[in-house]
Amino acid sequence: MPRPTAAQLAYGSFTVIFSTLAMLLLSQTSSGLGIAVVAFAALALGLLVSLTVPQPKTRTAAAARAAAEAAPAPAPAVVPQRRRVPVRRETVSAAAVSSAEPVRERSTP
């Protein structure tokens, strides 16, 4: 839910205050129930007024697209090429593998 704007708060507050004063003066009520009804009606009227205040214009998608097109495009990033470094590999002969003893773990007593 969006936060209320300053105009909505101001219009709603002024409506509640002035409509409460006007209804109390015009109705000349002195009972607690009458005052409660007037206060509730003033709050409802203030809420109605604050919700009908026009919202500030937001940036439309077309305006955002036009602004993006007007802005210069960023330069493409230059990615350096990787150098290939030769790796020296040693091969193991089959005789060396067969003569080696297998690795065994010791069992704990």
PDB file of N, CA and C in Angstrom:
ATOM      1  N   MET A   1       0.851  -1.172   0.000  1.00  0.00           N
ATOM      2  CA  MET A   1       0.000   0.000   0.000  1.00  0.00           C
ATOM      3  C   MET A   1       0.895   1.233   0.000  1.00  0.00           C
ATOM      4  N   PRO A   2       0.652   2.171  -0.915  1.00  0.00           N
ATOM      5  CA  PRO A   2       1.515   3.348  -0.982  1.00  0.00           C
ATOM      6  C   PRO A   2       1.274   4.279   0.198  1.00  0.00           C
ATOM      7  N   ARG A   3       2.293   5.007   0.545  1.00  0.00           N
ATOM      8  CA  ARG A   3       2.191   5.964   1.658  1.00  0.00           C
ATOM      9  C   ARG A   3       1.392   7.173   1.210  1.00  0.00           C
ATOM     10  N   PRO A   4       0.618   7.788   2.115  1.00  0.00           N
ATOM     11  CA  PRO A   4      -0.150   8.978   1.732  1.00  0.00           C
ATOM     12  C   PRO A   4       0.778  10.167   1.476  1.00  0.00           C
ATOM     13  N   THR A   5       0.387  10.982   0.519  1.00  0.00           N
ATOM     14  CA  THR A   5       1.180  12.172   0.207  1.00  0.00           C
ATOM     15  C   THR A   5       0.859  13.278   1.191  1.00  0.00           C
ATOM     16  N   ALA A   6       1.652  14.336   1.151  1.00  0.00           N
ATOM     17  CA  ALA A   6       1.421  15.473   2.043  1.00  0.00           C
ATOM     18  C   ALA A   6       0.077  16.138   1.730  1.00  0.00           C
ATOM     19  N   ALA A   7      -0.294  16.185   0.464  1.00  0.00           N
ATOM     20  CA  ALA A   7      -1.577  16.791   0.094  1.00  0.00           C
ATOM     21  C   ALA A   7      -2.741  15.973   0.645  1.00  0.00           C
ATOM     22  N   GLN A   8      -2.639  14.661   0.600  1.00  0.00           N
ATOM     23  CA  GLN A   8      -3.705  13.824   1.136  1.00  0.00           C
ATOM     24  C   GLN A   8      -3.852  14.022   2.640  1.00  0.00           C
ATOM     25  N   LEU A   9      -2.736  14.072   3.344  1.00  0.00           N
ATOM     26  CA  LEU A   9      -2.798  14.297   4.791  1.00  0.00           C
ATOM     27  C   LEU A   9      -3.382  15.665   5.125  1.00  0.00           C
ATOM     28  N   ALA A  10      -2.970  16.678   4.399  1.00  0.00           N
ATOM     29  CA  ALA A  10      -3.447  18.030   4.678  1.00  0.00           C
ATOM     30  C   ALA A  10      -4.933  18.172   4.374  1.00  0.00           C
ATOM     31  N   TYR A  11      -5.359  17.742   3.198  1.00  0.00           N
ATOM     32  CA  TYR A  11      -6.774  17.856   2.839  1.00  0.00           C
ATOM     33  C   TYR A  11      -7.658  17.035   3.767  1.00  0.00           C
ATOM     34  N   GLY A  12      -7.229  15.826   4.104  1.00  0.00           N
ATOM     35  CA  GLY A  12      -8.014  14.991   5.000  1.00  0.00           C
ATOM     36  C   GLY A  12      -8.138  15.599   6.386  1.00  0.00           C
ATOM     37  N   SER A  13      -7.029  16.126   6.922  1.00  0.00           N
ATOM     38  CA  SER A  13      -7.054  16.735   8.258  1.00  0.00           C
ATOM     39  C   SER A  13      -7.914  17.982   8.297  1.00  0.00           C
ATOM     40  N   PHE A  14      -7.766  18.848   7.303  1.00  0.00           N
ATOM     41  CA  PHE A  14      -8.581  20.062   7.270  1.00  0.00           C
ATOM     42  C   PHE A  14     -10.060  19.730   7.138  1.00  0.00           C
ATOM     43  N   THR A  15     -10.372  18.724   6.355  1.00  0.00           N
ATOM     44  CA  THR A  15     -11.765  18.323   6.178  1.00  0.00           C
ATOM     45  C   THR A  15     -12.358  17.822   7.482  1.00  0.00           C
ATOM     46  N   VAL A  16     -11.610  17.008   8.208  1.00  0.00           N
ATOM     47  CA  VAL A  16     -12.109  16.481   9.484  1.00  0.00           C
ATOM     48  C   VAL A  16     -12.339  17.618  10.469  1.00  0.00           C
ATOM     49  N   ILE A  17     -11.380  18.504  10.603  1.00  0.00           N
ATOM     50  CA  ILE A  17     -11.489  19.584  11.593  1.00  0.00           C
ATOM     51  C   ILE A  17     -12.638  20.525  11.249  1.00  0.00           C
ATOM     52  N   PHE A  18     -12.666  21.015  10.021  1.00  0.00           N
ATOM     53  CA  PHE A  18     -13.679  22.020   9.678  1.00  0.00           C
ATOM     54  C   PHE A  18     -15.071  21.414   9.552  1.00  0.00           C
ATOM     55  N   SER A  19     -15.177  20.182   9.071  1.00  0.00           N
ATOM     56  CA  SER A  19     -16.515  19.576   8.994  1.00  0.00           C
ATOM     57  C   SER A  19     -17.047  19.241  10.384  1.00  0.00           C
ATOM     58  N   THR A  20     -16.173  18.864  11.317  1.00  0.00           N
ATOM     59  CA  THR A  20     -16.615  18.618  12.695  1.00  0.00           C
ATOM     60  C   THR A  20     -17.138  19.903  13.317  1.00  0.00           C
ATOM     61  N   LEU A  21     -16.393  20.983  13.170  1.00  0.00           N
ATOM     62  CA  LEU A  21     -16.848  22.266  13.728  1.00  0.00           C
ATOM     63  C   LEU A  21     -18.156  22.714  13.091  1.00  0.00           C
ATOM     64  N   ALA A  22     -18.257  22.603  11.785  1.00  0.00           N
ATOM     65  CA  ALA A  22     -19.473  23.055  11.101  1.00  0.00           C
ATOM     66  C   ALA A  22     -20.683  22.221  11.520  1.00  0.00           C
ATOM     67  N   MET A  23     -20.543  20.894  11.580  1.00  0.00           N
ATOM     68  CA  MET A  23     -21.683  20.043  11.948  1.00  0.00           C
ATOM     69  C   MET A  23     -22.085  20.233  13.399  1.00  0.00           C
ATOM     70  N   LEU A  24     -21.097  20.440  14.296  1.00  0.00           N
ATOM     71  CA  LEU A  24     -21.442  20.674  15.703  1.00  0.00           C
ATOM     72  C   LEU A  24     -22.155  22.014  15.881  1.00  0.00           C
ATOM     73  N   LEU A  25     -21.709  23.034  15.154  1.00  0.00           N
ATOM     74  CA  LEU A  25     -22.367  24.343  15.265  1.00  0.00           C
ATOM     75  C   LEU A  25     -23.759  24.330  14.643  1.00  0.00           C
ATOM     76  N   LEU A  26     -23.904  23.619  13.508  1.00  0.00           N
ATOM     77  CA  LEU A  26     -25.207  23.600  12.838  1.00  0.00           C
ATOM     78  C   LEU A  26     -26.211  22.694  13.541  1.00  0.00           C
ATOM     79  N   SER A  27     -25.762  21.597  14.105  1.00  0.00           N
ATOM     80  CA  SER A  27     -26.701  20.666  14.741  1.00  0.00           C
ATOM     81  C   SER A  27     -27.031  21.071  16.170  1.00  0.00           C
ATOM     82  N   GLN A  28     -26.172  21.833  16.800  1.00  0.00           N
ATOM     83  CA  GLN A  28     -26.331  22.291  18.183  1.00  0.00           C
ATOM     84  C   GLN A  28     -26.617  21.124  19.128  1.00  0.00           C
ATOM     85  N   THR A  29     -25.963  20.029  18.893  1.00  0.00           N
ATOM     86  CA  THR A  29     -26.146  18.857  19.743  1.00  0.00           C
ATOM     87  C   THR A  29     -25.305  18.995  21.005  1.00  0.00           C
ATOM     88  N   SER A  30     -25.812  18.436  22.094  1.00  0.00           N
ATOM     89  CA  SER A  30     -25.060  18.474  23.345  1.00  0.00           C
ATOM     90  C   SER A  30     -24.957  17.082  23.967  1.00  0.00           C
ATOM     91  N   SER A  31     -25.564  16.081  23.343  1.00  0.00           N
ATOM     92  CA  SER A  31     -25.482  14.725  23.878  1.00  0.00           C
ATOM     93  C   SER A  31     -24.206  14.041  23.392  1.00  0.00           C
ATOM     94  N   GLY A  32     -23.783  13.076  24.162  1.00  0.00           N
ATOM     95  CA  GLY A  32     -22.573  12.341  23.797  1.00  0.00           C
ATOM     96  C   GLY A  32     -22.752  11.530  22.531  1.00  0.00           C
ATOM     97  N   LEU A  33     -23.937  10.965  22.354  1.00  0.00           N
ATOM     98  CA  LEU A  33     -24.211  10.184  21.151  1.00  0.00           C
ATOM     99  C   LEU A  33     -24.204  11.073  19.910  1.00  0.00           C
ATOM    100  N   GLY A  34     -24.768  12.249  20.003  1.00  0.00           N
ATOM    101  CA  GLY A  34     -24.792  13.184  18.869  1.00  0.00           C
ATOM    102  C   GLY A  34     -23.397  13.624  18.479  1.00  0.00           C
ATOM    103  N   ILE A  35     -22.554  13.884  19.481  1.00  0.00           N
ATOM    104  CA  ILE A  35     -21.173  14.298  19.214  1.00  0.00           C
ATOM    105  C   ILE A  35     -20.398  13.148  18.573  1.00  0.00           C
ATOM    106  N   ALA A  36     -20.649  11.920  19.032  1.00  0.00           N
ATOM    107  CA  ALA A  36     -19.970  10.756  18.456  1.00  0.00           C
ATOM    108  C   ALA A  36     -20.369  10.551  17.002  1.00  0.00           C
ATOM    109  N   VAL A  37     -21.665  10.749  16.703  1.00  0.00           N
ATOM    110  CA  VAL A  37     -22.124  10.606  15.318  1.00  0.00           C
ATOM    111  C   VAL A  37     -21.487  11.666  14.434  1.00  0.00           C
ATOM    112  N   VAL A  38     -21.412  12.900  14.916  1.00  0.00           N
ATOM    113  CA  VAL A  38     -20.804  13.996  14.148  1.00  0.00           C
ATOM    114  C   VAL A  38     -19.317  13.712  13.919  1.00  0.00           C
ATOM    115  N   ALA A  39     -18.625  13.227  14.954  1.00  0.00           N
ATOM    116  CA  ALA A  39     -17.195  12.939  14.818  1.00  0.00           C
ATOM    117  C   ALA A  39     -16.962  11.800  13.824  1.00  0.00           C
ATOM    118  N   PHE A  40     -17.787  10.756  13.887  1.00  0.00           N
ATOM    119  CA  PHE A  40     -17.656   9.643  12.944  1.00  0.00           C
ATOM    120  C   PHE A  40     -17.917  10.106  11.514  1.00  0.00           C
ATOM    121  N   ALA A  41     -18.943  10.932  11.331  1.00  0.00           N
ATOM    122  CA  ALA A  41     -19.247  11.440   9.991  1.00  0.00           C
ATOM    123  C   ALA A  41     -18.101  12.314   9.464  1.00  0.00           C
ATOM    124  N   ALA A  42     -17.495  13.098  10.339  1.00  0.00           N
ATOM    125  CA  ALA A  42     -16.383  13.957   9.924  1.00  0.00           C
ATOM    126  C   ALA A  42     -15.165  13.117   9.539  1.00  0.00           C
ATOM    127  N   LEU A  43     -14.907  12.058  10.298  1.00  0.00           N
ATOM    128  CA  LEU A  43     -13.788  11.177   9.946  1.00  0.00           C
ATOM    129  C   LEU A  43     -14.026  10.484   8.616  1.00  0.00           C
ATOM    130  N   ALA A  44     -15.246  10.024   8.389  1.00  0.00           N
ATOM    131  CA  ALA A  44     -15.561   9.372   7.114  1.00  0.00           C
ATOM    132  C   ALA A  44     -15.414  10.359   5.957  1.00  0.00           C
ATOM    133  N   LEU A  45     -15.862  11.583   6.152  1.00  0.00           N
ATOM    134  CA  LEU A  45     -15.737  12.599   5.107  1.00  0.00           C
ATOM    135  C   LEU A  45     -14.268  12.936   4.850  1.00  0.00           C
ATOM    136  N   GLY A  46     -13.458  13.027   5.894  1.00  0.00           N
ATOM    137  CA  GLY A  46     -12.029  13.298   5.737  1.00  0.00           C
ATOM    138  C   GLY A  46     -11.319  12.181   4.998  1.00  0.00           C
ATOM    139  N   LEU A  47     -11.702  10.929   5.290  1.00  0.00           N
ATOM    140  CA  LEU A  47     -11.122   9.792   4.583  1.00  0.00           C
ATOM    141  C   LEU A  47     -11.500   9.823   3.111  1.00  0.00           C
ATOM    142  N   LEU A  48     -12.744  10.135   2.826  1.00  0.00           N
ATOM    143  CA  LEU A  48     -13.202  10.216   1.439  1.00  0.00           C
ATOM    144  C   LEU A  48     -12.447  11.297   0.674  1.00  0.00           C
ATOM    145  N   VAL A  49     -12.275  12.452   1.291  1.00  0.00           N
ATOM    146  CA  VAL A  49     -11.568  13.556   0.627  1.00  0.00           C
ATOM    147  C   VAL A  49     -10.097  13.193   0.397  1.00  0.00           C
ATOM    148  N   SER A  50      -9.460  12.583   1.395  1.00  0.00           N
ATOM    149  CA  SER A  50      -8.036  12.273   1.238  1.00  0.00           C
ATOM    150  C   SER A  50      -7.799  11.192   0.176  1.00  0.00           C
ATOM    151  N   LEU A  51      -8.750  10.285  -0.002  1.00  0.00           N
ATOM    152  CA  LEU A  51      -8.579   9.255  -1.021  1.00  0.00           C
ATOM    153  C   LEU A  51      -8.878   9.756  -2.431  1.00  0.00           C
ATOM    154  N   THR A  52      -9.629  10.840  -2.554  1.00  0.00           N
ATOM    155  CA  THR A  52      -9.956  11.367  -3.884  1.00  0.00           C
ATOM    156  C   THR A  52      -8.954  12.404  -4.378  1.00  0.00           C
ATOM    157  N   VAL A  53      -7.981  12.768  -3.544  1.00  0.00           N
ATOM    158  CA  VAL A  53      -6.940  13.705  -3.991  1.00  0.00           C
ATOM    159  C   VAL A  53      -6.123  12.991  -5.060  1.00  0.00           C
ATOM    160  N   PRO A  54      -5.883  13.630  -6.212  1.00  0.00           N
ATOM    161  CA  PRO A  54      -5.129  12.957  -7.279  1.00  0.00           C
ATOM    162  C   PRO A  54      -3.708  12.634  -6.835  1.00  0.00           C
ATOM    163  N   GLN A  55      -3.260  11.471  -7.234  1.00  0.00           N
ATOM    164  CA  GLN A  55      -1.897  11.021  -6.943  1.00  0.00           C
ATOM    165  C   GLN A  55      -0.920  11.730  -7.877  1.00  0.00           C
ATOM    166  N   PRO A  56       0.333  11.911  -7.442  1.00  0.00           N
ATOM    167  CA  PRO A  56       1.318  12.505  -8.346  1.00  0.00           C
ATOM    168  C   PRO A  56       1.571  11.580  -9.530  1.00  0.00           C
ATOM    169  N   LYS A  57       1.837  12.177 -10.659  1.00  0.00           N
ATOM    170  CA  LYS A  57       2.073  11.406 -11.887  1.00  0.00           C
ATOM    171  C   LYS A  57       3.357  10.602 -11.734  1.00  0.00           C
ATOM    172  N   THR A  58       3.272   9.339 -12.110  1.00  0.00           N
ATOM    173  CA  THR A  58       4.462   8.499 -12.093  1.00  0.00           C
ATOM    174  C   THR A  58       5.027   8.422 -13.504  1.00  0.00           C
ATOM    175  N   ARG A  59       6.229   8.030 -13.588  1.00  0.00           N
ATOM    176  CA  ARG A  59       6.893   7.927 -14.880  1.00  0.00           C
ATOM    177  C   ARG A  59       6.346   6.725 -15.621  1.00  0.00           C
ATOM    178  N   THR A  60       5.841   6.936 -16.800  1.00  0.00           N
ATOM    179  CA  THR A  60       5.266   5.838 -17.565  1.00  0.00           C
ATOM    180  C   THR A  60       6.370   5.037 -18.240  1.00  0.00           C
ATOM    181  N   ALA A  61       6.010   3.881 -18.709  1.00  0.00           N
ATOM    182  CA  ALA A  61       6.989   3.020 -19.366  1.00  0.00           C
ATOM    183  C   ALA A  61       7.505   3.659 -20.648  1.00  0.00           C
ATOM    184  N   ALA A  62       6.635   4.364 -21.371  1.00  0.00           N
ATOM    185  CA  ALA A  62       7.069   5.008 -22.609  1.00  0.00           C
ATOM    186  C   ALA A  62       8.072   6.125 -22.325  1.00  0.00           C
ATOM    187  N   ALA A  63       7.836   6.880 -21.265  1.00  0.00           N
ATOM    188  CA  ALA A  63       8.765   7.956 -20.917  1.00  0.00           C
ATOM    189  C   ALA A  63      10.102   7.387 -20.460  1.00  0.00           C
ATOM    190  N   ALA A  64      10.059   6.297 -19.727  1.00  0.00           N
ATOM    191  CA  ALA A  64      11.300   5.666 -19.280  1.00  0.00           C
ATOM    192  C   ALA A  64      12.079   5.112 -20.467  1.00  0.00           C
ATOM    193  N   ARG A  65      11.366   4.531 -21.450  1.00  0.00           N
ATOM    194  CA  ARG A  65      12.025   3.988 -22.635  1.00  0.00           C
ATOM    195  C   ARG A  65      12.649   5.123 -23.453  1.00  0.00           C
ATOM    196  N   ALA A  66      11.931   6.245 -23.576  1.00  0.00           N
ATOM    197  CA  ALA A  66      12.468   7.377 -24.336  1.00  0.00           C
ATOM    198  C   ALA A  66      13.705   7.950 -23.654  1.00  0.00           C
ATOM    199  N   ALA A  67      13.688   7.997 -22.329  1.00  0.00           N
ATOM    200  CA  ALA A  67      14.854   8.499 -21.606  1.00  0.00           C
ATOM    201  C   ALA A  67      16.038   7.562 -21.771  1.00  0.00           C
ATOM    202  N   ALA A  68      15.759   6.255 -21.801  1.00  0.00           N
ATOM    203  CA  ALA A  68      16.841   5.285 -21.973  1.00  0.00           C
ATOM    204  C   ALA A  68      17.436   5.374 -23.380  1.00  0.00           C
ATOM    205  N   GLU A  69      16.594   5.628 -24.379  1.00  0.00           N
ATOM    206  CA  GLU A  69      17.098   5.751 -25.748  1.00  0.00           C
ATOM    207  C   GLU A  69      17.893   7.032 -25.938  1.00  0.00           C
ATOM    208  N   ALA A  70      17.525   8.089 -25.222  1.00  0.00           N
ATOM    209  CA  ALA A  70      18.222   9.363 -25.354  1.00  0.00           C
ATOM    210  C   ALA A  70      19.600   9.308 -24.700  1.00  0.00           C
ATOM    211  N   ALA A  71      19.763   8.469 -23.697  1.00  0.00           N
ATOM    212  CA  ALA A  71      21.041   8.362 -23.000  1.00  0.00           C
ATOM    213  C   ALA A  71      22.034   7.618 -23.890  1.00  0.00           C
ATOM    214  N   PRO A  72      23.292   8.016 -23.858  1.00  0.00           N
ATOM    215  CA  PRO A  72      24.287   7.309 -24.679  1.00  0.00           C
ATOM    216  C   PRO A  72      24.488   5.894 -24.152  1.00  0.00           C
ATOM    217  N   ALA A  73      24.693   4.994 -25.074  1.00  0.00           N
ATOM    218  CA  ALA A  73      24.902   3.596 -24.708  1.00  0.00           C
ATOM    219  C   ALA A  73      26.296   3.436 -24.109  1.00  0.00           C
ATOM    220  N   PRO A  74      26.435   2.642 -23.066  1.00  0.00           N
ATOM    221  CA  PRO A  74      27.765   2.459 -22.478  1.00  0.00           C
ATOM    222  C   PRO A  74      28.655   1.668 -23.433  1.00  0.00           C
ATOM    223  N   ALA A  75      29.929   1.951 -23.369  1.00  0.00           N
ATOM    224  CA  ALA A  75      30.897   1.262 -24.218  1.00  0.00           C
ATOM    225  C   ALA A  75      30.982  -0.196 -23.784  1.00  0.00           C
ATOM    226  N   PRO A  76      31.124  -1.111 -24.748  1.00  0.00           N
ATOM    227  CA  PRO A  76      31.219  -2.527 -24.370  1.00  0.00           C
ATOM    228  C   PRO A  76      32.508  -2.782 -23.594  1.00  0.00           C
ATOM    229  N   ALA A  77      32.409  -3.639 -22.636  1.00  0.00           N
ATOM    230  CA  ALA A  77      33.568  -3.963 -21.809  1.00  0.00           C
ATOM    231  C   ALA A  77      34.556  -4.794 -22.617  1.00  0.00           C
ATOM    232  N   VAL A  78      35.825  -4.488 -22.451  1.00  0.00           N
ATOM    233  CA  VAL A  78      36.874  -5.212 -23.156  1.00  0.00           C
ATOM    234  C   VAL A  78      37.329  -6.350 -22.259  1.00  0.00           C
ATOM    235  N   VAL A  79      37.155  -7.565 -22.728  1.00  0.00           N
ATOM    236  CA  VAL A  79      37.560  -8.738 -21.965  1.00  0.00           C
ATOM    237  C   VAL A  79      38.883  -9.223 -22.522  1.00  0.00           C
ATOM    238  N   PRO A  80      39.925  -9.283 -21.687  1.00  0.00           N
ATOM    239  CA  PRO A  80      41.221  -9.745 -22.200  1.00  0.00           C
ATOM    240  C   PRO A  80      41.165 -11.233 -22.529  1.00  0.00           C
ATOM    241  N   GLN A  81      41.891 -11.610 -23.575  1.00  0.00           N
ATOM    242  CA  GLN A  81      41.950 -13.003 -23.984  1.00  0.00           C
ATOM    243  C   GLN A  81      42.888 -13.761 -23.045  1.00  0.00           C
ATOM    244  N   ARG A  82      42.541 -14.984 -22.738  1.00  0.00           N
ATOM    245  CA  ARG A  82      43.393 -15.794 -21.867  1.00  0.00           C
ATOM    246  C   ARG A  82      44.567 -16.347 -22.670  1.00  0.00           C
ATOM    247  N   ARG A  83      45.726 -16.321 -22.057  1.00  0.00           N
ATOM    248  CA  ARG A  83      46.906 -16.906 -22.680  1.00  0.00           C
ATOM    249  C   ARG A  83      46.949 -18.379 -22.360  1.00  0.00           C
ATOM    250  N   ARG A  84      47.266 -19.131 -23.336  1.00  0.00           N
ATOM    251  CA  ARG A  84      47.412 -20.575 -23.123  1.00  0.00           C
ATOM    252  C   ARG A  84      48.845 -20.857 -22.716  1.00  0.00           C
ATOM    253  N   VAL A  85      49.006 -21.489 -21.581  1.00  0.00           N
ATOM    254  CA  VAL A  85      50.327 -21.831 -21.075  1.00  0.00           C
ATOM    255  C   VAL A  85      50.493 -23.341 -21.184  1.00  0.00           C
ATOM    256  N   PRO A  86      51.554 -23.801 -21.870  1.00  0.00           N
ATOM    257  CA  PRO A  86      51.732 -25.259 -21.987  1.00  0.00           C
ATOM    258  C   PRO A  86      52.096 -25.860 -20.630  1.00  0.00           C
ATOM    259  N   VAL A  87      51.528 -27.025 -20.348  1.00  0.00           N
ATOM    260  CA  VAL A  87      51.768 -27.711 -19.088  1.00  0.00           C
ATOM    261  C   VAL A  87      52.566 -28.976 -19.378  1.00  0.00           C
ATOM    262  N   ARG A  88      53.591 -29.195 -18.626  1.00  0.00           N
ATOM    263  CA  ARG A  88      54.408 -30.391 -18.816  1.00  0.00           C
ATOM    264  C   ARG A  88      53.778 -31.534 -18.021  1.00  0.00           C
ATOM    265  N   ARG A  89      53.452 -32.580 -18.733  1.00  0.00           N
ATOM    266  CA  ARG A  89      52.823 -33.732 -18.096  1.00  0.00           C
ATOM    267  C   ARG A  89      53.745 -34.923 -18.201  1.00  0.00           C
ATOM    268  N   GLU A  90      53.782 -35.659 -17.125  1.00  0.00           N
ATOM    269  CA  GLU A  90      54.606 -36.867 -17.112  1.00  0.00           C
ATOM    270  C   GLU A  90      53.678 -38.076 -17.142  1.00  0.00           C
ATOM    271  N   THR A  91      54.042 -39.009 -17.983  1.00  0.00           N
ATOM    272  CA  THR A  91      53.240 -40.227 -18.054  1.00  0.00           C
ATOM    273  C   THR A  91      53.827 -41.273 -17.133  1.00  0.00           C
ATOM    274  N   VAL A  92      52.969 -42.106 -16.615  1.00  0.00           N
ATOM    275  CA  VAL A  92      53.403 -43.176 -15.715  1.00  0.00           C
ATOM    276  C   VAL A  92      53.359 -44.467 -16.498  1.00  0.00           C
ATOM    277  N   SER A  93      54.445 -45.184 -16.466  1.00  0.00           N
ATOM    278  CA  SER A  93      54.478 -46.437 -17.226  1.00  0.00           C
ATOM    279  C   SER A  93      53.665 -47.511 -16.512  1.00  0.00           C
ATOM    280  N   ALA A  94      53.197 -48.476 -17.254  1.00  0.00           N
ATOM    281  CA  ALA A  94      52.395 -49.567 -16.695  1.00  0.00           C
ATOM    282  C   ALA A  94      53.211 -50.409 -15.751  1.00  0.00           C
ATOM    283  N   ALA A  95      54.519 -50.539 -15.997  1.00  0.00           N
ATOM    284  CA  ALA A  95      55.374 -51.343 -15.125  1.00  0.00           C
ATOM    285  C   ALA A  95      55.500 -50.710 -13.755  1.00  0.00           C
ATOM    286  N   ALA A  96      55.593 -49.403 -13.717  1.00  0.00           N
ATOM    287  CA  ALA A  96      55.727 -48.713 -12.444  1.00  0.00           C
ATOM    288  C   ALA A  96      54.457 -48.836 -11.622  1.00  0.00           C
ATOM    289  N   VAL A  97      53.317 -48.874 -12.276  1.00  0.00           N
ATOM    290  CA  VAL A  97      52.043 -48.973 -11.567  1.00  0.00           C
ATOM    291  C   VAL A  97      51.861 -50.368 -10.992  1.00  0.00           C
ATOM    292  N   SER A  98      52.224 -51.417 -11.755  1.00  0.00           N
ATOM    293  CA  SER A  98      52.004 -52.785 -11.292  1.00  0.00           C
ATOM    294  C   SER A  98      52.971 -53.175 -10.186  1.00  0.00           C
ATOM    295  N   SER A  99      54.159 -52.557 -10.138  1.00  0.00           N
ATOM    296  CA  SER A  99      55.135 -52.927  -9.118  1.00  0.00           C
ATOM    297  C   SER A  99      54.880 -52.210  -7.796  1.00  0.00           C
ATOM    298  N   ALA A 100      54.083 -51.219  -7.831  1.00  0.00           N
ATOM    299  CA  ALA A 100      53.825 -50.475  -6.596  1.00  0.00           C
ATOM    300  C   ALA A 100      52.888 -51.262  -5.700  1.00  0.00           C
ATOM    301  N   GLU A 101      53.105 -51.147  -4.409  1.00  0.00           N
ATOM    302  CA  GLU A 101      52.263 -51.843  -3.456  1.00  0.00           C
ATOM    303  C   GLU A 101      50.971 -51.045  -3.249  1.00  0.00           C
ATOM    304  N   PRO A 102      49.874 -51.747  -3.046  1.00  0.00           N
ATOM    305  CA  PRO A 102      48.630 -51.021  -2.804  1.00  0.00           C
ATOM    306  C   PRO A 102      48.666 -50.353  -1.423  1.00  0.00           C
ATOM    307  N   VAL A 103      47.974 -49.259  -1.321  1.00  0.00           N
ATOM    308  CA  VAL A 103      47.931 -48.503  -0.073  1.00  0.00           C
ATOM    309  C   VAL A 103      46.811 -49.077   0.783  1.00  0.00           C
ATOM    310  N   ARG A 104      47.174 -49.445   2.016  1.00  0.00           N
ATOM    311  CA  ARG A 104      46.186 -49.971   2.938  1.00  0.00           C
ATOM    312  C   ARG A 104      46.218 -49.163   4.213  1.00  0.00           C
ATOM    313  N   GLU A 105      45.036 -48.975   4.759  1.00  0.00           N
ATOM    314  CA  GLU A 105      44.964 -48.257   6.029  1.00  0.00           C
ATOM    315  C   GLU A 105      45.155 -49.230   7.169  1.00  0.00           C
ATOM    316  N   ARG A 106      45.779 -48.767   8.196  1.00  0.00           N
ATOM    317  CA  ARG A 106      45.968 -49.614   9.369  1.00  0.00           C
ATOM    318  C   ARG A 106      44.656 -49.685  10.146  1.00  0.00           C
ATOM    319  N   SER A 107      44.384 -50.850  10.644  1.00  0.00           N
ATOM    320  CA  SER A 107      43.191 -50.987  11.467  1.00  0.00           C
ATOM    321  C   SER A 107      43.557 -50.696  12.900  1.00  0.00           C
ATOM    322  N   THR A 108      42.708 -50.014  13.581  1.00  0.00           N
ATOM    323  CA  THR A 108      43.004 -49.687  14.980  1.00  0.00           C
ATOM    324  C   THR A 108      42.566 -50.826  15.876  1.00  0.00           C
ATOM    325  N   PRO A 109      43.363 -51.194  16.876  1.00  0.00           N
ATOM    326  CA  PRO A 109      43.018 -52.329  17.745  1.00  0.00           C
ATOM    327  C   PRO A 109      41.857 -52.030  18.660  1.00  0.00           C
TER     328      PRO A 109
END
